[in-house]
Amino acid sequence: CSERCIAEHERRMSAGAACEVKRRHWLSDPWVWAP
């Protein structure tokens, strides 16, 4: 939508961070193991 968002995207990509949030695997979820 703007040049500022483009700059933020480029900053994230140069830092190696992905734009999409990675989901945790269900085996690492404490809500599974505690019960």
Full PDB file with SEQRES, HELIX, SHEET, SSBOND, CRYST1, ORIGX, SCALE, CONECT and MASTER records, all heavy atoms in Angstrom:
SEQRES   1 A   35  CYS SER GLU ARG CYS ILE ALA GLU HIS GLU ARG ARG MET          
SEQRES   2 A   35  SER ALA GLY ALA ALA CYS GLU VAL LYS ARG ARG HIS TRP          
SEQRES   3 A   35  LEU SER ASP PRO TRP VAL TRP ALA PRO                          
HELIX    1 AA1 GLU A    3  SER A   14  1                                  12    
HELIX    2 AA2 TRP A   26  SER A   28  5                                   3    
HELIX    3 AA3 PRO A   30  TRP A   33  1                                   4    
CRYST1    1.000    1.000    1.000  90.00  90.00  90.00 P 1           1          
ORIGX1      1.000000  0.000000  0.000000        0.00000                         
ORIGX2      0.000000  1.000000  0.000000        0.00000                         
ORIGX3      0.000000  0.000000  1.000000        0.00000                         
SCALE1      1.000000  0.000000  0.000000        0.00000                         
SCALE2      0.000000  1.000000  0.000000        0.00000                         
SCALE3      0.000000  0.000000  1.000000        0.00000                         
ATOM      1  N   CYS A   1       0.818  -1.215   0.000  1.00  0.00           N  
ATOM      2  CA  CYS A   1       0.000   0.000   0.000  1.00  0.00           C  
ATOM      3  C   CYS A   1       0.851   1.264   0.000  1.00  0.00           C  
ATOM      4  O   CYS A   1       0.370   2.328  -0.375  1.00  0.00           O  
ATOM      5  CB  CYS A   1      -0.933   0.008   1.212  1.00  0.00           C  
ATOM      6  SG  CYS A   1      -0.067   0.123   2.776  1.00  0.00           S  
ATOM      7  N   SER A   2       2.115   1.162   0.425  1.00  0.00           N  
ATOM      8  CA  SER A   2       2.952   2.365   0.481  1.00  0.00           C  
ATOM      9  C   SER A   2       4.430   1.985   0.391  1.00  0.00           C  
ATOM     10  O   SER A   2       4.805   0.820   0.548  1.00  0.00           O  
ATOM     11  CB  SER A   2       2.701   3.126   1.786  1.00  0.00           C  
ATOM     12  OG  SER A   2       3.171   2.369   2.881  1.00  0.00           O  
ATOM     13  N   GLU A   3       5.245   2.984   0.160  1.00  0.00           N  
ATOM     14  CA  GLU A   3       6.698   2.775   0.116  1.00  0.00           C  
ATOM     15  C   GLU A   3       7.222   2.349   1.488  1.00  0.00           C  
ATOM     16  O   GLU A   3       8.198   1.613   1.592  1.00  0.00           O  
ATOM     17  CB  GLU A   3       7.402   4.050  -0.345  1.00  0.00           C  
ATOM     18  CG  GLU A   3       7.136   4.406  -1.806  1.00  0.00           C  
ATOM     19  CD  GLU A   3       7.763   3.423  -2.786  1.00  0.00           C  
ATOM     20  OE1 GLU A   3       8.815   2.831  -2.471  1.00  0.00           O  
ATOM     21  OE2 GLU A   3       7.190   3.247  -3.871  1.00  0.00           O  
ATOM     22  N   ARG A   4       6.586   2.823   2.546  1.00  0.00           N  
ATOM     23  CA  ARG A   4       7.014   2.460   3.891  1.00  0.00           C  
ATOM     24  C   ARG A   4       6.851   0.956   4.143  1.00  0.00           C  
ATOM     25  O   ARG A   4       7.714   0.316   4.738  1.00  0.00           O  
ATOM     26  CB  ARG A   4       6.235   3.257   4.923  1.00  0.00           C  
ATOM     27  CG  ARG A   4       6.830   3.152   6.312  1.00  0.00           C  
ATOM     28  CD  ARG A   4       6.112   4.023   7.285  1.00  0.00           C  
ATOM     29  NE  ARG A   4       4.949   3.271   7.734  1.00  0.00           N  
ATOM     30  CZ  ARG A   4       3.914   3.769   8.349  1.00  0.00           C  
ATOM     31  NH1 ARG A   4       3.844   5.049   8.577  1.00  0.00           N  
ATOM     32  NH2 ARG A   4       2.913   3.022   8.727  1.00  0.00           N  
ATOM     33  N   CYS A   5       5.753   0.395   3.659  1.00  0.00           N  
ATOM     34  CA  CYS A   5       5.550  -1.047   3.804  1.00  0.00           C  
ATOM     35  C   CYS A   5       6.547  -1.837   2.955  1.00  0.00           C  
ATOM     36  O   CYS A   5       7.003  -2.906   3.363  1.00  0.00           O  
ATOM     37  CB  CYS A   5       4.117  -1.421   3.445  1.00  0.00           C  
ATOM     38  SG  CYS A   5       2.915  -0.929   4.701  1.00  0.00           S  
ATOM     39  N   ILE A   6       6.901  -1.310   1.798  1.00  0.00           N  
ATOM     40  CA  ILE A   6       7.908  -1.959   0.956  1.00  0.00           C  
ATOM     41  C   ILE A   6       9.248  -1.965   1.681  1.00  0.00           C  
ATOM     42  O   ILE A   6       9.939  -2.992   1.732  1.00  0.00           O  
ATOM     43  CB  ILE A   6       8.032  -1.249  -0.407  1.00  0.00           C  
ATOM     44  CG1 ILE A   6       6.737  -1.410  -1.197  1.00  0.00           C  
ATOM     45  CG2 ILE A   6       9.211  -1.790  -1.193  1.00  0.00           C  
ATOM     46  CD1 ILE A   6       6.660  -0.571  -2.444  1.00  0.00           C  
ATOM     47  N   ALA A   7       9.609  -0.835   2.293  1.00  0.00           N  
ATOM     48  CA  ALA A   7      10.876  -0.754   3.028  1.00  0.00           C  
ATOM     49  C   ALA A   7      10.883  -1.717   4.210  1.00  0.00           C  
ATOM     50  O   ALA A   7      11.896  -2.372   4.487  1.00  0.00           O  
ATOM     51  CB  ALA A   7      11.115   0.677   3.503  1.00  0.00           C  
ATOM     52  N   GLU A   8       9.755  -1.846   4.910  1.00  0.00           N  
ATOM     53  CA  GLU A   8       9.663  -2.777   6.039  1.00  0.00           C  
ATOM     54  C   GLU A   8       9.790  -4.219   5.561  1.00  0.00           C  
ATOM     55  O   GLU A   8      10.463  -5.036   6.183  1.00  0.00           O  
ATOM     56  CB  GLU A   8       8.341  -2.576   6.777  1.00  0.00           C  
ATOM     57  CG  GLU A   8       8.108  -3.545   7.907  1.00  0.00           C  
ATOM     58  CD  GLU A   8       9.096  -3.430   9.052  1.00  0.00           C  
ATOM     59  OE1 GLU A   8       9.755  -2.386   9.187  1.00  0.00           O  
ATOM     60  OE2 GLU A   8       9.216  -4.399   9.825  1.00  0.00           O  
ATOM     61  N   HIS A   9       9.167  -4.530   4.445  1.00  0.00           N  
ATOM     62  CA  HIS A   9       9.267  -5.882   3.872  1.00  0.00           C  
ATOM     63  C   HIS A   9      10.715  -6.196   3.491  1.00  0.00           C  
ATOM     64  O   HIS A   9      11.220  -7.282   3.782  1.00  0.00           O  
ATOM     65  CB  HIS A   9       8.353  -5.995   2.652  1.00  0.00           C  
ATOM     66  CG  HIS A   9       8.407  -7.323   1.979  1.00  0.00           C  
ATOM     67  ND1 HIS A   9       7.827  -8.446   2.517  1.00  0.00           N  
ATOM     68  CD2 HIS A   9       8.984  -7.714   0.818  1.00  0.00           C  
ATOM     69  CE1 HIS A   9       8.048  -9.472   1.713  1.00  0.00           C  
ATOM     70  NE2 HIS A   9       8.743  -9.048   0.665  1.00  0.00           N  
ATOM     71  N   GLU A  10      11.392  -5.249   2.865  1.00  0.00           N  
ATOM     72  CA  GLU A  10      12.791  -5.450   2.482  1.00  0.00           C  
ATOM     73  C   GLU A  10      13.674  -5.605   3.723  1.00  0.00           C  
ATOM     74  O   GLU A  10      14.594  -6.412   3.735  1.00  0.00           O  
ATOM     75  CB  GLU A  10      13.263  -4.287   1.622  1.00  0.00           C  
ATOM     76  CG  GLU A  10      12.634  -4.292   0.241  1.00  0.00           C  
ATOM     77  CD  GLU A  10      12.911  -3.024  -0.547  1.00  0.00           C  
ATOM     78  OE1 GLU A  10      13.406  -2.033   0.040  1.00  0.00           O  
ATOM     79  OE2 GLU A  10      12.618  -3.022  -1.761  1.00  0.00           O  
ATOM     80  N   ARG A  11      13.372  -4.846   4.774  1.00  0.00           N  
ATOM     81  CA  ARG A  11      14.147  -4.966   6.011  1.00  0.00           C  
ATOM     82  C   ARG A  11      13.970  -6.352   6.626  1.00  0.00           C  
ATOM     83  O   ARG A  11      14.929  -6.987   7.038  1.00  0.00           O  
ATOM     84  CB  ARG A  11      13.720  -3.899   7.018  1.00  0.00           C  
ATOM     85  CG  ARG A  11      14.557  -3.914   8.298  1.00  0.00           C  
ATOM     86  CD  ARG A  11      13.989  -3.021   9.375  1.00  0.00           C  
ATOM     87  NE  ARG A  11      12.708  -3.492   9.894  1.00  0.00           N  
ATOM     88  CZ  ARG A  11      12.572  -4.491  10.772  1.00  0.00           C  
ATOM     89  NH1 ARG A  11      13.628  -5.134  11.209  1.00  0.00           N  
ATOM     90  NH2 ARG A  11      11.380  -4.846  11.199  1.00  0.00           N  
ATOM     91  N   ARG A  12      12.741  -6.837   6.657  1.00  0.00           N  
ATOM     92  CA  ARG A  12      12.480  -8.168   7.219  1.00  0.00           C  
ATOM     93  C   ARG A  12      13.149  -9.256   6.395  1.00  0.00           C  
ATOM     94  O   ARG A  12      13.679 -10.216   6.942  1.00  0.00           O  
ATOM     95  CB  ARG A  12      10.982  -8.426   7.294  1.00  0.00           C  
ATOM     96  CG  ARG A  12      10.295  -7.635   8.359  1.00  0.00           C  
ATOM     97  CD  ARG A  12       8.835  -7.998   8.428  1.00  0.00           C  
ATOM     98  NE  ARG A  12       8.114  -7.168   9.371  1.00  0.00           N  
ATOM     99  CZ  ARG A  12       6.829  -7.288   9.634  1.00  0.00           C  
ATOM    100  NH1 ARG A  12       6.106  -8.219   9.031  1.00  0.00           N  
ATOM    101  NH2 ARG A  12       6.252  -6.488  10.495  1.00  0.00           N  
ATOM    102  N   MET A  13      13.092  -9.118   5.078  1.00  0.00           N  
ATOM    103  CA  MET A  13      13.691 -10.135   4.219  1.00  0.00           C  
ATOM    104  C   MET A  13      15.214 -10.120   4.311  1.00  0.00           C  
ATOM    105  O   MET A  13      15.850 -11.164   4.250  1.00  0.00           O  
ATOM    106  CB  MET A  13      13.241  -9.952   2.771  1.00  0.00           C  
ATOM    107  CG  MET A  13      11.747 -10.182   2.563  1.00  0.00           C  
ATOM    108  SD  MET A  13      11.132 -11.729   3.252  1.00  0.00           S  
ATOM    109  CE  MET A  13      11.908 -12.893   2.174  1.00  0.00           C  
ATOM    110  N   SER A  14      15.820  -8.945   4.473  1.00  0.00           N  
ATOM    111  CA  SER A  14      17.275  -8.880   4.600  1.00  0.00           C  
ATOM    112  C   SER A  14      17.743  -9.417   5.940  1.00  0.00           C  
ATOM    113  O   SER A  14      18.846  -9.920   6.066  1.00  0.00           O  
ATOM    114  CB  SER A  14      17.771  -7.448   4.410  1.00  0.00           C  
ATOM    115  OG  SER A  14      17.348  -6.629   5.479  1.00  0.00           O  
ATOM    116  N   ALA A  15      16.873  -9.345   6.956  1.00  0.00           N  
ATOM    117  CA  ALA A  15      17.214  -9.880   8.275  1.00  0.00           C  
ATOM    118  C   ALA A  15      16.986 -11.382   8.343  1.00  0.00           C  
ATOM    119  O   ALA A  15      17.343 -12.024   9.318  1.00  0.00           O  
ATOM    120  CB  ALA A  15      16.400  -9.174   9.357  1.00  0.00           C  
ATOM    121  N   GLY A  16      16.374 -11.945   7.311  1.00  0.00           N  
ATOM    122  CA  GLY A  16      16.138 -13.386   7.273  1.00  0.00           C  
ATOM    123  C   GLY A  16      14.831 -13.796   7.914  1.00  0.00           C  
ATOM    124  O   GLY A  16      14.545 -14.972   8.042  1.00  0.00           O  
ATOM    125  N   ALA A  17      14.014 -12.841   8.335  1.00  0.00           N  
ATOM    126  CA  ALA A  17      12.731 -13.172   8.954  1.00  0.00           C  
ATOM    127  C   ALA A  17      11.685 -13.375   7.870  1.00  0.00           C  
ATOM    128  O   ALA A  17      11.613 -12.615   6.918  1.00  0.00           O  
ATOM    129  CB  ALA A  17      12.297 -12.055   9.890  1.00  0.00           C  
ATOM    130  N   ALA A  18      10.866 -14.380   8.013  1.00  0.00           N  
ATOM    131  CA  ALA A  18       9.810 -14.638   7.036  1.00  0.00           C  
ATOM    132  C   ALA A  18       8.608 -13.753   7.339  1.00  0.00           C  
ATOM    133  O   ALA A  18       8.367 -13.370   8.463  1.00  0.00           O  
ATOM    134  CB  ALA A  18       9.408 -16.107   7.098  1.00  0.00           C  
ATOM    135  N   CYS A  19       7.855 -13.433   6.307  1.00  0.00           N  
ATOM    136  CA  CYS A  19       6.665 -12.593   6.483  1.00  0.00           C  
ATOM    137  C   CYS A  19       5.519 -13.382   7.097  1.00  0.00           C  
ATOM    138  O   CYS A  19       4.641 -12.810   7.707  1.00  0.00           O  
ATOM    139  CB  CYS A  19       6.205 -12.034   5.146  1.00  0.00           C  
ATOM    140  SG  CYS A  19       7.322 -10.813   4.469  1.00  0.00           S  
ATOM    141  N   GLU A  20       5.523 -14.668   6.897  1.00  0.00           N  
ATOM    142  CA  GLU A  20       4.425 -15.484   7.380  1.00  0.00           C  
ATOM    143  C   GLU A  20       4.791 -16.095   8.727  1.00  0.00           C  
ATOM    144  O   GLU A  20       5.924 -16.478   8.969  1.00  0.00           O  
ATOM    145  CB  GLU A  20       4.122 -16.586   6.379  1.00  0.00           C  
ATOM    146  CG  GLU A  20       3.712 -16.030   5.037  1.00  0.00           C  
ATOM    147  CD  GLU A  20       3.719 -17.082   3.957  1.00  0.00           C  
ATOM    148  OE1 GLU A  20       3.948 -18.259   4.277  1.00  0.00           O  
ATOM    149  OE2 GLU A  20       3.512 -16.717   2.804  1.00  0.00           O  
ATOM    150  N   VAL A  21       3.812 -16.176   9.593  1.00  0.00           N  
ATOM    151  CA  VAL A  21       4.019 -16.753  10.919  1.00  0.00           C  
ATOM    152  C   VAL A  21       4.015 -18.267  10.786  1.00  0.00           C  
ATOM    153  O   VAL A  21       3.106 -18.842  10.188  1.00  0.00           O  
ATOM    154  CB  VAL A  21       2.905 -16.301  11.888  1.00  0.00           C  
ATOM    155  CG1 VAL A  21       3.069 -16.961  13.236  1.00  0.00           C  
ATOM    156  CG2 VAL A  21       2.907 -14.794  12.009  1.00  0.00           C  
ATOM    157  N   LYS A  22       5.018 -18.914  11.338  1.00  0.00           N  
ATOM    158  CA  LYS A  22       5.086 -20.363  11.280  1.00  0.00           C  
ATOM    159  C   LYS A  22       4.249 -20.947  12.402  1.00  0.00           C  
ATOM    160  O   LYS A  22       4.276 -20.474  13.526  1.00  0.00           O  
ATOM    161  CB  LYS A  22       6.531 -20.842  11.418  1.00  0.00           C  
ATOM    162  CG  LYS A  22       7.378 -20.475  10.240  1.00  0.00           C  
ATOM    163  CD  LYS A  22       8.755 -21.056  10.369  1.00  0.00           C  
ATOM    164  CE  LYS A  22       9.593 -20.695   9.167  1.00  0.00           C  
ATOM    165  NZ  LYS A  22      10.929 -21.246   9.258  1.00  0.00           N  
ATOM    166  N   ARG A  23       3.501 -21.995  12.082  1.00  0.00           N  
ATOM    167  CA  ARG A  23       2.665 -22.649  13.078  1.00  0.00           C  
ATOM    168  C   ARG A  23       3.483 -23.696  13.816  1.00  0.00           C  
ATOM    169  O   ARG A  23       4.304 -24.382  13.231  1.00  0.00           O  
ATOM    170  CB  ARG A  23       1.482 -23.305  12.399  1.00  0.00           C  
ATOM    171  CG  ARG A  23       0.570 -22.277  11.758  1.00  0.00           C  
ATOM    172  CD  ARG A  23      -0.577 -22.926  11.118  1.00  0.00           C  
ATOM    173  NE  ARG A  23      -1.324 -23.639  12.145  1.00  0.00           N  
ATOM    174  CZ  ARG A  23      -2.548 -24.076  11.998  1.00  0.00           C  
ATOM    175  NH1 ARG A  23      -3.158 -23.905  10.883  1.00  0.00           N  
ATOM    176  NH2 ARG A  23      -3.162 -24.719  12.968  1.00  0.00           N  
ATOM    177  N   ARG A  24       3.224 -23.807  15.113  1.00  0.00           N  
ATOM    178  CA  ARG A  24       3.904 -24.825  15.906  1.00  0.00           C  
ATOM    179  C   ARG A  24       3.296 -26.191  15.624  1.00  0.00           C  
ATOM    180  O   ARG A  24       2.116 -26.312  15.349  1.00  0.00           O  
ATOM    181  CB  ARG A  24       3.762 -24.530  17.398  1.00  0.00           C  
ATOM    182  CG  ARG A  24       4.511 -23.341  17.835  1.00  0.00           C  
ATOM    183  CD  ARG A  24       4.588 -23.175  19.311  1.00  0.00           C  
ATOM    184  NE  ARG A  24       3.439 -23.695  20.014  1.00  0.00           N  
ATOM    185  CZ  ARG A  24       3.274 -23.623  21.308  1.00  0.00           C  
ATOM    186  NH1 ARG A  24       4.169 -23.033  22.040  1.00  0.00           N  
ATOM    187  NH2 ARG A  24       2.210 -24.121  21.905  1.00  0.00           N  
ATOM    188  N   HIS A  25       4.120 -27.191  15.712  1.00  0.00           N  
ATOM    189  CA  HIS A  25       3.642 -28.555  15.533  1.00  0.00           C  
ATOM    190  C   HIS A  25       2.874 -28.962  16.780  1.00  0.00           C  
ATOM    191  O   HIS A  25       3.213 -28.564  17.893  1.00  0.00           O  
ATOM    192  CB  HIS A  25       4.850 -29.480  15.310  1.00  0.00           C  
ATOM    193  CG  HIS A  25       4.461 -30.801  14.768  1.00  0.00           C  
ATOM    194  ND1 HIS A  25       4.184 -31.864  15.575  1.00  0.00           N  
ATOM    195  CD2 HIS A  25       4.286 -31.237  13.503  1.00  0.00           C  
ATOM    196  CE1 HIS A  25       3.862 -32.907  14.834  1.00  0.00           C  
ATOM    197  NE2 HIS A  25       3.926 -32.542  13.561  1.00  0.00           N  
ATOM    198  N   TRP A  26       1.847 -29.781  16.638  1.00  0.00           N  
ATOM    199  CA  TRP A  26       1.004 -30.123  17.773  1.00  0.00           C  
ATOM    200  C   TRP A  26       1.753 -30.924  18.824  1.00  0.00           C  
ATOM    201  O   TRP A  26       1.377 -30.898  19.996  1.00  0.00           O  
ATOM    202  CB  TRP A  26      -0.248 -30.866  17.320  1.00  0.00           C  
ATOM    203  CG  TRP A  26      -0.002 -32.225  16.740  1.00  0.00           C  
ATOM    204  CD1 TRP A  26       0.283 -32.532  15.453  1.00  0.00           C  
ATOM    205  CD2 TRP A  26       0.001 -33.451  17.446  1.00  0.00           C  
ATOM    206  NE1 TRP A  26       0.461 -33.861  15.300  1.00  0.00           N  
ATOM    207  CE2 TRP A  26       0.293 -34.463  16.514  1.00  0.00           C  
ATOM    208  CE3 TRP A  26      -0.213 -33.811  18.765  1.00  0.00           C  
ATOM    209  CZ2 TRP A  26       0.370 -35.792  16.873  1.00  0.00           C  
ATOM    210  CZ3 TRP A  26      -0.138 -35.154  19.123  1.00  0.00           C  
ATOM    211  CH2 TRP A  26       0.154 -36.123  18.176  1.00  0.00           C  
ATOM    212  N   LEU A  27       2.833 -31.617  18.460  1.00  0.00           N  
ATOM    213  CA  LEU A  27       3.589 -32.385  19.455  1.00  0.00           C  
ATOM    214  C   LEU A  27       4.372 -31.486  20.414  1.00  0.00           C  
ATOM    215  O   LEU A  27       4.725 -31.909  21.505  1.00  0.00           O  
ATOM    216  CB  LEU A  27       4.552 -33.353  18.763  1.00  0.00           C  
ATOM    217  CG  LEU A  27       3.902 -34.574  18.140  1.00  0.00           C  
ATOM    218  CD1 LEU A  27       4.931 -35.382  17.362  1.00  0.00           C  
ATOM    219  CD2 LEU A  27       3.257 -35.440  19.198  1.00  0.00           C  
ATOM    220  N   SER A  28       4.641 -30.244  20.023  1.00  0.00           N  
ATOM    221  CA  SER A  28       5.356 -29.331  20.906  1.00  0.00           C  
ATOM    222  C   SER A  28       4.405 -28.454  21.718  1.00  0.00           C  
ATOM    223  O   SER A  28       4.842 -27.563  22.426  1.00  0.00           O  
ATOM    224  CB  SER A  28       6.304 -28.449  20.096  1.00  0.00           C  
ATOM    225  OG  SER A  28       5.567 -27.625  19.218  1.00  0.00           O  
ATOM    226  N   ASP A  29       3.107 -28.718  21.630  1.00  0.00           N  
ATOM    227  CA  ASP A  29       2.106 -27.913  22.324  1.00  0.00           C  
ATOM    228  C   ASP A  29       1.907 -28.428  23.754  1.00  0.00           C  
ATOM    229  O   ASP A  29       1.556 -29.589  23.961  1.00  0.00           O  
ATOM    230  CB  ASP A  29       0.789 -27.982  21.558  1.00  0.00           C  
ATOM    231  CG  ASP A  29      -0.234 -26.980  22.038  1.00  0.00           C  
ATOM    232  OD1 ASP A  29       0.097 -26.174  22.932  1.00  0.00           O  
ATOM    233  OD2 ASP A  29      -1.357 -27.006  21.519  1.00  0.00           O  
ATOM    234  N   PRO A  30       2.110 -27.585  24.772  1.00  0.00           N  
ATOM    235  CA  PRO A  30       1.920 -28.031  26.153  1.00  0.00           C  
ATOM    236  C   PRO A  30       0.466 -28.367  26.463  1.00  0.00           C  
ATOM    237  O   PRO A  30       0.199 -29.116  27.400  1.00  0.00           O  
ATOM    238  CB  PRO A  30       2.406 -26.857  26.992  1.00  0.00           C  
ATOM    239  CG  PRO A  30       2.420 -25.682  26.099  1.00  0.00           C  
ATOM    240  CD  PRO A  30       2.596 -26.203  24.712  1.00  0.00           C  
ATOM    241  N   TRP A  31      -0.497 -27.842  25.688  1.00  0.00           N  
ATOM    242  CA  TRP A  31      -1.901 -28.168  25.922  1.00  0.00           C  
ATOM    243  C   TRP A  31      -2.212 -29.613  25.531  1.00  0.00           C  
ATOM    244  O   TRP A  31      -3.273 -30.133  25.867  1.00  0.00           O  
ATOM    245  CB  TRP A  31      -2.805 -27.207  25.163  1.00  0.00           C  
ATOM    246  CG  TRP A  31      -2.836 -25.859  25.790  1.00  0.00           C  
ATOM    247  CD1 TRP A  31      -2.166 -24.753  25.375  1.00  0.00           C  
ATOM    248  CD2 TRP A  31      -3.540 -25.471  26.963  1.00  0.00           C  
ATOM    249  NE1 TRP A  31      -2.409 -23.710  26.208  1.00  0.00           N  
ATOM    250  CE2 TRP A  31      -3.260 -24.122  27.200  1.00  0.00           C  
ATOM    251  CE3 TRP A  31      -4.382 -26.142  27.841  1.00  0.00           C  
ATOM    252  CZ2 TRP A  31      -3.792 -23.432  28.276  1.00  0.00           C  
ATOM    253  CZ3 TRP A  31      -4.910 -25.433  28.912  1.00  0.00           C  
ATOM    254  CH2 TRP A  31      -4.616 -24.106  29.114  1.00  0.00           C  
ATOM    255  N   VAL A  32      -1.318 -30.262  24.844  1.00  0.00           N  
ATOM    256  CA  VAL A  32      -1.473 -31.682  24.532  1.00  0.00           C  
ATOM    257  C   VAL A  32      -0.818 -32.522  25.621  1.00  0.00           C  
ATOM    258  O   VAL A  32      -1.400 -33.482  26.123  1.00  0.00           O  
ATOM    259  CB  VAL A  32      -0.851 -32.012  23.152  1.00  0.00           C  
ATOM    260  CG1 VAL A  32      -0.817 -33.507  22.905  1.00  0.00           C  
ATOM    261  CG2 VAL A  32      -1.606 -31.306  22.052  1.00  0.00           C  
ATOM    262  N   TRP A  33       0.398 -32.151  26.007  1.00  0.00           N  
ATOM    263  CA  TRP A  33       1.177 -32.977  26.927  1.00  0.00           C  
ATOM    264  C   TRP A  33       0.746 -32.868  28.385  1.00  0.00           C  
ATOM    265  O   TRP A  33       0.840 -33.844  29.124  1.00  0.00           O  
ATOM    266  CB  TRP A  33       2.665 -32.666  26.795  1.00  0.00           C  
ATOM    267  CG  TRP A  33       3.165 -33.161  25.489  1.00  0.00           C  
ATOM    268  CD1 TRP A  33       3.494 -32.433  24.393  1.00  0.00           C  
ATOM    269  CD2 TRP A  33       3.327 -34.530  25.112  1.00  0.00           C  
ATOM    270  NE1 TRP A  33       3.857 -33.242  23.368  1.00  0.00           N  
ATOM    271  CE2 TRP A  33       3.773 -34.550  23.778  1.00  0.00           C  
ATOM    272  CE3 TRP A  33       3.139 -35.740  25.756  1.00  0.00           C  
ATOM    273  CZ2 TRP A  33       4.030 -35.724  23.093  1.00  0.00           C  
ATOM    274  CZ3 TRP A  33       3.407 -36.913  25.066  1.00  0.00           C  
ATOM    275  CH2 TRP A  33       3.846 -36.903  23.758  1.00  0.00           C  
ATOM    276  N   ALA A  34       0.278 -31.720  28.831  1.00  0.00           N  
ATOM    277  CA  ALA A  34      -0.135 -31.579  30.235  1.00  0.00           C  
ATOM    278  C   ALA A  34      -1.314 -32.498  30.585  1.00  0.00           C  
ATOM    279  O   ALA A  34      -1.250 -33.235  31.573  1.00  0.00           O  
ATOM    280  CB  ALA A  34      -0.453 -30.127  30.552  1.00  0.00           C  
ATOM    281  N   PRO A  35      -2.394 -32.526  29.794  1.00  0.00           N  
ATOM    282  CA  PRO A  35      -3.485 -33.453  30.128  1.00  0.00           C  
ATOM    283  C   PRO A  35      -3.083 -34.918  29.991  1.00  0.00           C  
ATOM    284  O   PRO A  35      -3.511 -35.759  30.786  1.00  0.00           O  
ATOM    285  CB  PRO A  35      -4.587 -33.114  29.131  1.00  0.00           C  
ATOM    286  CG  PRO A  35      -4.260 -31.783  28.596  1.00  0.00           C  
ATOM    287  CD  PRO A  35      -2.789 -31.623  28.718  1.00  0.00           C  
TER     288      PRO A  35                                                      
MASTER        0    0    0    3    0    0    0    6  287    1    0    3          
END                                                                             
